[in-house]
PDB file of N, CA and C in Angstrom:
ATOM      1  N   UNK A   1     -61.874  97.529   1.090  1.00  0.00           N
ATOM      2  CA  UNK A   1     -60.486  97.349   0.728  1.00  0.00           C
ATOM      3  C   UNK A   1     -60.090  95.897   0.986  1.00  0.00           C
ATOM      4  N   UNK A   2     -59.381  95.328   0.047  1.00  0.00           N
ATOM      5  CA  UNK A   2     -58.871  93.965   0.182  1.00  0.00           C
ATOM      6  C   UNK A   2     -57.544  94.025   0.936  1.00  0.00           C
ATOM      7  N   UNK A   3     -57.543  93.587   2.187  1.00  0.00           N
ATOM      8  CA  UNK A   3     -56.362  93.681   3.044  1.00  0.00           C
ATOM      9  C   UNK A   3     -55.157  92.932   2.473  1.00  0.00           C
ATOM     10  N   UNK A   4     -55.394  91.761   1.894  1.00  0.00           N
ATOM     11  CA  UNK A   4     -54.275  90.981   1.348  1.00  0.00           C
ATOM     12  C   UNK A   4     -53.617  91.702   0.178  1.00  0.00           C
ATOM     13  N   UNK A   5     -54.417  92.238  -0.731  1.00  0.00           N
ATOM     14  CA  UNK A   5     -53.864  92.962  -1.876  1.00  0.00           C
ATOM     15  C   UNK A   5     -53.142  94.227  -1.417  1.00  0.00           C
ATOM     16  N   UNK A   6     -53.726  94.909  -0.449  1.00  0.00           N
ATOM     17  CA  UNK A   6     -53.116  96.115   0.105  1.00  0.00           C
ATOM     18  C   UNK A   6     -51.752  95.788   0.714  1.00  0.00           C
ATOM     19  N   UNK A   7     -51.710  94.738   1.537  1.00  0.00           N
ATOM     20  CA  UNK A   7     -50.476  94.312   2.176  1.00  0.00           C
ATOM     21  C   UNK A   7     -49.422  93.942   1.141  1.00  0.00           C
ATOM     22  N   UNK A   8     -49.795  93.196   0.117  1.00  0.00           N
ATOM     23  CA  UNK A   8     -48.854  92.793  -0.928  1.00  0.00           C
ATOM     24  C   UNK A   8     -48.334  93.997  -1.704  1.00  0.00           C
ATOM     25  N   UNK A   9     -49.191  94.962  -1.945  1.00  0.00           N
ATOM     26  CA  UNK A   9     -48.784  96.167  -2.661  1.00  0.00           C
ATOM     27  C   UNK A   9     -47.763  96.961  -1.843  1.00  0.00           C
ATOM     28  N   UNK A  10     -47.991  97.065  -0.555  1.00  0.00           N
ATOM     29  CA  UNK A  10     -47.037  97.748   0.323  1.00  0.00           C
ATOM     30  C   UNK A  10     -45.711  97.012   0.324  1.00  0.00           C
ATOM     31  N   UNK A  11     -45.753  95.710   0.471  1.00  0.00           N
ATOM     32  CA  UNK A  11     -44.525  94.916   0.506  1.00  0.00           C
ATOM     33  C   UNK A  11     -43.745  95.048  -0.802  1.00  0.00           C
ATOM     34  N   UNK A  12     -44.434  95.060  -1.923  1.00  0.00           N
ATOM     35  CA  UNK A  12     -43.773  95.215  -3.231  1.00  0.00           C
ATOM     36  C   UNK A  12     -43.069  96.572  -3.300  1.00  0.00           C
ATOM     37  N   UNK A  13     -43.749  97.629  -2.863  1.00  0.00           N
ATOM     38  CA  UNK A  13     -43.157  98.962  -2.863  1.00  0.00           C
ATOM     39  C   UNK A  13     -41.929  99.000  -1.958  1.00  0.00           C
ATOM     40  N   UNK A  14     -42.050  98.484  -0.730  1.00  0.00           N
ATOM     41  CA  UNK A  14     -40.944  98.521   0.213  1.00  0.00           C
ATOM     42  C   UNK A  14     -39.758  97.690  -0.265  1.00  0.00           C
ATOM     43  N   UNK A  15     -40.021  96.592  -0.951  1.00  0.00           N
ATOM     44  CA  UNK A  15     -38.933  95.784  -1.516  1.00  0.00           C
ATOM     45  C   UNK A  15     -38.177  96.597  -2.565  1.00  0.00           C
ATOM     46  N   UNK A  16     -38.897  97.279  -3.428  1.00  0.00           N
ATOM     47  CA  UNK A  16     -38.264  98.115  -4.443  1.00  0.00           C
ATOM     48  C   UNK A  16     -37.440  99.220  -3.789  1.00  0.00           C
ATOM     49  N   UNK A  17     -37.995  99.853  -2.771  1.00  0.00           N
ATOM     50  CA  UNK A  17     -37.265 100.908  -2.049  1.00  0.00           C
ATOM     51  C   UNK A  17     -35.985 100.333  -1.451  1.00  0.00           C
ATOM     52  N   UNK A  18     -36.081  99.193  -0.811  1.00  0.00           N
ATOM     53  CA  UNK A  18     -34.909  98.586  -0.177  1.00  0.00           C
ATOM     54  C   UNK A  18     -33.829  98.211  -1.163  1.00  0.00           C
ATOM     55  N   UNK A  19     -34.210  97.557  -2.244  1.00  0.00           N
ATOM     56  CA  UNK A  19     -33.231  97.100  -3.239  1.00  0.00           C
ATOM     57  C   UNK A  19     -32.568  98.283  -3.933  1.00  0.00           C
ATOM     58  N   UNK A  20     -33.355  99.252  -4.379  1.00  0.00           N
ATOM     59  CA  UNK A  20     -32.768 100.384  -5.097  1.00  0.00           C
ATOM     60  C   UNK A  20     -31.954 101.267  -4.166  1.00  0.00           C
ATOM     61  N   UNK A  21     -32.388 101.415  -2.918  1.00  0.00           N
ATOM     62  CA  UNK A  21     -31.633 102.214  -1.957  1.00  0.00           C
ATOM     63  C   UNK A  21     -30.290 101.569  -1.655  1.00  0.00           C
ATOM     64  N   UNK A  22     -30.272 100.259  -1.503  1.00  0.00           N
ATOM     65  CA  UNK A  22     -29.017  99.565  -1.243  1.00  0.00           C
ATOM     66  C   UNK A  22     -28.049  99.765  -2.399  1.00  0.00           C
ATOM     67  N   UNK A  23     -28.532  99.676  -3.623  1.00  0.00           N
ATOM     68  CA  UNK A  23     -27.673  99.889  -4.800  1.00  0.00           C
ATOM     69  C   UNK A  23     -27.080 101.293  -4.805  1.00  0.00           C
ATOM     70  N   UNK A  24     -27.885 102.281  -4.476  1.00  0.00           N
ATOM     71  CA  UNK A  24     -27.408 103.666  -4.464  1.00  0.00           C
ATOM     72  C   UNK A  24     -26.365 103.880  -3.368  1.00  0.00           C
ATOM     73  N   UNK A  25     -26.593 103.316  -2.202  1.00  0.00           N
ATOM     74  CA  UNK A  25     -25.629 103.448  -1.106  1.00  0.00           C
ATOM     75  C   UNK A  25     -24.319 102.761  -1.481  1.00  0.00           C
ATOM     76  N   UNK A  26     -24.412 101.564  -2.045  1.00  0.00           N
ATOM     77  CA  UNK A  26     -23.208 100.842  -2.464  1.00  0.00           C
ATOM     78  C   UNK A  26     -22.424 101.638  -3.502  1.00  0.00           C
ATOM     79  N   UNK A  27     -23.104 102.269  -4.431  1.00  0.00           N
ATOM     80  CA  UNK A  27     -22.433 103.063  -5.466  1.00  0.00           C
ATOM     81  C   UNK A  27     -21.695 104.246  -4.856  1.00  0.00           C
ATOM     82  N   UNK A  28     -22.328 104.935  -3.917  1.00  0.00           N
ATOM     83  CA  UNK A  28     -21.694 106.078  -3.256  1.00  0.00           C
ATOM     84  C   UNK A  28     -20.418 105.636  -2.543  1.00  0.00           C
ATOM     85  N   UNK A  29     -20.487 104.502  -1.853  1.00  0.00           N
ATOM     86  CA  UNK A  29     -19.332 104.013  -1.112  1.00  0.00           C
ATOM     87  C   UNK A  29     -18.244 103.550  -2.081  1.00  0.00           C
ATOM     88  N   UNK A  30     -18.597 102.777  -3.096  1.00  0.00           N
ATOM     89  CA  UNK A  30     -17.628 102.272  -4.067  1.00  0.00           C
ATOM     90  C   UNK A  30     -16.900 103.391  -4.798  1.00  0.00           C
ATOM     91  N   UNK A  31     -17.618 104.461  -5.106  1.00  0.00           N
ATOM     92  CA  UNK A  31     -17.039 105.576  -5.844  1.00  0.00           C
ATOM     93  C   UNK A  31     -16.234 106.510  -4.945  1.00  0.00           C
ATOM     94  N   UNK A  32     -16.163 106.193  -3.667  1.00  0.00           N
ATOM     95  CA  UNK A  32     -15.350 106.975  -2.748  1.00  0.00           C
ATOM     96  C   UNK A  32     -15.934 108.327  -2.401  1.00  0.00           C
ATOM     97  N   UNK A  33     -17.239 108.464  -2.509  1.00  0.00           N
ATOM     98  CA  UNK A  33     -17.881 109.739  -2.195  1.00  0.00           C
ATOM     99  C   UNK A  33     -18.276 109.837  -0.723  1.00  0.00           C
ATOM    100  N   UNK A  34     -17.545 109.097   0.110  1.00  0.00           N
ATOM    101  CA  UNK A  34     -17.787 109.124   1.555  1.00  0.00           C
ATOM    102  C   UNK A  34     -16.472 109.368   2.278  1.00  0.00           C
ATOM    103  N   UNK A  35     -16.551 109.716   3.523  1.00  0.00           N
ATOM    104  CA  UNK A  35     -15.358 109.842   4.349  1.00  0.00           C
ATOM    105  C   UNK A  35     -15.680 109.300   5.728  1.00  0.00           C
ATOM    106  N   UNK A  36     -14.671 108.818   6.406  1.00  0.00           N
ATOM    107  CA  UNK A  36     -14.883 108.284   7.740  1.00  0.00           C
ATOM    108  C   UNK A  36     -15.291 106.834   7.723  1.00  0.00           C
ATOM    109  N   UNK A  37     -15.677 106.349   8.904  1.00  0.00           N
ATOM    110  CA  UNK A  37     -16.045 104.937   9.072  1.00  0.00           C
ATOM    111  C   UNK A  37     -17.548 104.706   9.096  1.00  0.00           C
ATOM    112  N   UNK A  38     -18.307 105.795   9.043  1.00  0.00           N
ATOM    113  CA  UNK A  38     -19.766 105.671   9.084  1.00  0.00           C
ATOM    114  C   UNK A  38     -20.394 106.581   8.048  1.00  0.00           C
ATOM    115  N   UNK A  39     -21.510 106.143   7.524  1.00  0.00           N
ATOM    116  CA  UNK A  39     -22.279 106.940   6.581  1.00  0.00           C
ATOM    117  C   UNK A  39     -23.616 107.261   7.246  1.00  0.00           C
ATOM    118  N   UNK A  40     -23.852 108.541   7.494  1.00  0.00           N
ATOM    119  CA  UNK A  40     -25.133 108.949   8.084  1.00  0.00           C
ATOM    120  C   UNK A  40     -26.160 109.013   6.953  1.00  0.00           C
ATOM    121  N   UNK A  41     -27.291 108.373   7.160  1.00  0.00           N
ATOM    122  CA  UNK A  41     -28.325 108.300   6.129  1.00  0.00           C
ATOM    123  C   UNK A  41     -29.666 108.749   6.692  1.00  0.00           C
ATOM    124  N   UNK A  42     -30.529 109.169   5.782  1.00  0.00           N
ATOM    125  CA  UNK A  42     -31.885 109.568   6.157  1.00  0.00           C
ATOM    126  C   UNK A  42     -32.816 109.139   5.017  1.00  0.00           C
ATOM    127  N   UNK A  43     -33.918 108.525   5.399  1.00  0.00           N
ATOM    128  CA  UNK A  43     -34.946 108.135   4.438  1.00  0.00           C
ATOM    129  C   UNK A  43     -36.211 108.899   4.807  1.00  0.00           C
ATOM    130  N   UNK A  44     -36.786 109.577   3.827  1.00  0.00           N
ATOM    131  CA  UNK A  44     -38.022 110.324   4.055  1.00  0.00           C
ATOM    132  C   UNK A  44     -39.116 109.725   3.173  1.00  0.00           C
ATOM    133  N   UNK A  45     -40.229 109.380   3.811  1.00  0.00           N
ATOM    134  CA  UNK A  45     -41.368 108.821   3.096  1.00  0.00           C
ATOM    135  C   UNK A  45     -42.495 109.843   3.094  1.00  0.00           C
ATOM    136  N   UNK A  46     -42.950 110.179   1.901  1.00  0.00           N
ATOM    137  CA  UNK A  46     -44.111 111.055   1.761  1.00  0.00           C
ATOM    138  C   UNK A  46     -45.108 110.355   0.845  1.00  0.00           C
ATOM    139  N   UNK A  47     -46.338 110.788   0.906  1.00  0.00           N
ATOM    140  CA  UNK A  47     -47.375 110.226   0.040  1.00  0.00           C
ATOM    141  C   UNK A  47     -48.181 111.390  -0.540  1.00  0.00           C
ATOM    142  N   UNK A  48     -48.172 111.464  -1.844  1.00  0.00           N
ATOM    143  CA  UNK A  48     -48.869 112.548  -2.539  1.00  0.00           C
ATOM    144  C   UNK A  48     -50.327 112.638  -2.094  1.00  0.00           C
ATOM    145  N   UNK A  49     -50.760 113.847  -1.813  1.00  0.00           N
ATOM    146  CA  UNK A  49     -52.144 114.069  -1.434  1.00  0.00           C
ATOM    147  C   UNK A  49     -52.446 113.811   0.033  1.00  0.00           C
ATOM    148  N   UNK A  50     -51.385 113.522   0.824  1.00  0.00           N
ATOM    149  CA  UNK A  50     -51.577 113.293   2.259  1.00  0.00           C
ATOM    150  C   UNK A  50     -50.578 114.150   3.034  1.00  0.00           C
ATOM    151  N   UNK A  51     -50.709 114.130   4.350  1.00  0.00           N
ATOM    152  CA  UNK A  51     -49.743 114.839   5.182  1.00  0.00           C
ATOM    153  C   UNK A  51     -48.655 113.899   5.709  1.00  0.00           C
ATOM    154  N   UNK A  52     -48.520 112.718   5.108  1.00  0.00           N
ATOM    155  CA  UNK A  52     -47.511 111.751   5.527  1.00  0.00           C
ATOM    156  C   UNK A  52     -46.112 112.319   5.312  1.00  0.00           C
ATOM    157  N   UNK A  53     -45.323 112.309   6.364  1.00  0.00           N
ATOM    158  CA  UNK A  53     -43.927 112.737   6.304  1.00  0.00           C
ATOM    159  C   UNK A  53     -43.182 111.949   7.389  1.00  0.00           C
ATOM    160  N   UNK A  54     -42.731 110.752   7.028  1.00  0.00           N
ATOM    161  CA  UNK A  54     -42.077 109.836   7.969  1.00  0.00           C
ATOM    162  C   UNK A  54     -40.579 109.839   7.673  1.00  0.00           C
ATOM    163  N   UNK A  55     -39.769 110.165   8.693  1.00  0.00           N
ATOM    164  CA  UNK A  55     -38.319 110.261   8.518  1.00  0.00           C
ATOM    165  C   UNK A  55     -37.640 109.221   9.397  1.00  0.00           C
ATOM    166  N   UNK A  56     -36.696 108.493   8.797  1.00  0.00           N
ATOM    167  CA  UNK A  56     -35.884 107.532   9.537  1.00  0.00           C
ATOM    168  C   UNK A  56     -34.429 107.921   9.340  1.00  0.00           C
ATOM    169  N   UNK A  57     -33.724 108.182  10.442  1.00  0.00           N
ATOM    170  CA  UNK A  57     -32.302 108.500  10.408  1.00  0.00           C
ATOM    171  C   UNK A  57     -31.518 107.288  10.879  1.00  0.00           C
ATOM    172  N   UNK A  58     -30.315 107.116  10.327  1.00  0.00           N
ATOM    173  CA  UNK A  58     -29.493 106.008  10.751  1.00  0.00           C
ATOM    174  C   UNK A  58     -28.052 106.170  10.351  1.00  0.00           C
ATOM    175  N   UNK A  59     -27.255 105.208  10.724  1.00  0.00           N
ATOM    176  CA  UNK A  59     -25.847 105.177  10.366  1.00  0.00           C
ATOM    177  C   UNK A  59     -25.506 103.806   9.812  1.00  0.00           C
ATOM    178  N   UNK A  60     -24.654 103.811   8.798  1.00  0.00           N
ATOM    179  CA  UNK A  60     -24.173 102.566   8.208  1.00  0.00           C
ATOM    180  C   UNK A  60     -22.678 102.491   8.460  1.00  0.00           C
ATOM    181  N   UNK A  61     -22.237 101.433   9.085  1.00  0.00           N
ATOM    182  CA  UNK A  61     -20.811 101.249   9.342  1.00  0.00           C
ATOM    183  C   UNK A  61     -20.094 100.880   8.058  1.00  0.00           C
ATOM    184  N   UNK A  62     -18.985 101.519   7.787  1.00  0.00           N
ATOM    185  CA  UNK A  62     -18.238 101.278   6.561  1.00  0.00           C
ATOM    186  C   UNK A  62     -16.978 100.454   6.802  1.00  0.00           C
ATOM    187  N   UNK A  63     -16.695 100.142   8.042  1.00  0.00           N
ATOM    188  CA  UNK A  63     -15.466  99.382   8.339  1.00  0.00           C
ATOM    189  C   UNK A  63     -15.787  98.004   8.844  1.00  0.00           C
TER     190      UNK A  63
END
């Protein structure tokens, strides 16, 4: 396995996840589909054909 290509491929995927996720969160907030001062979020990462199931929970301040 080429470590550099592998690393770049992961970074490209994570960049896409970050950019598209931010757009979706911004849309939810802009459209008023939230309440309160915080938005509780959860990101789940799975990989087809593996037992990968990585969950990250967090809060985004809206004020």
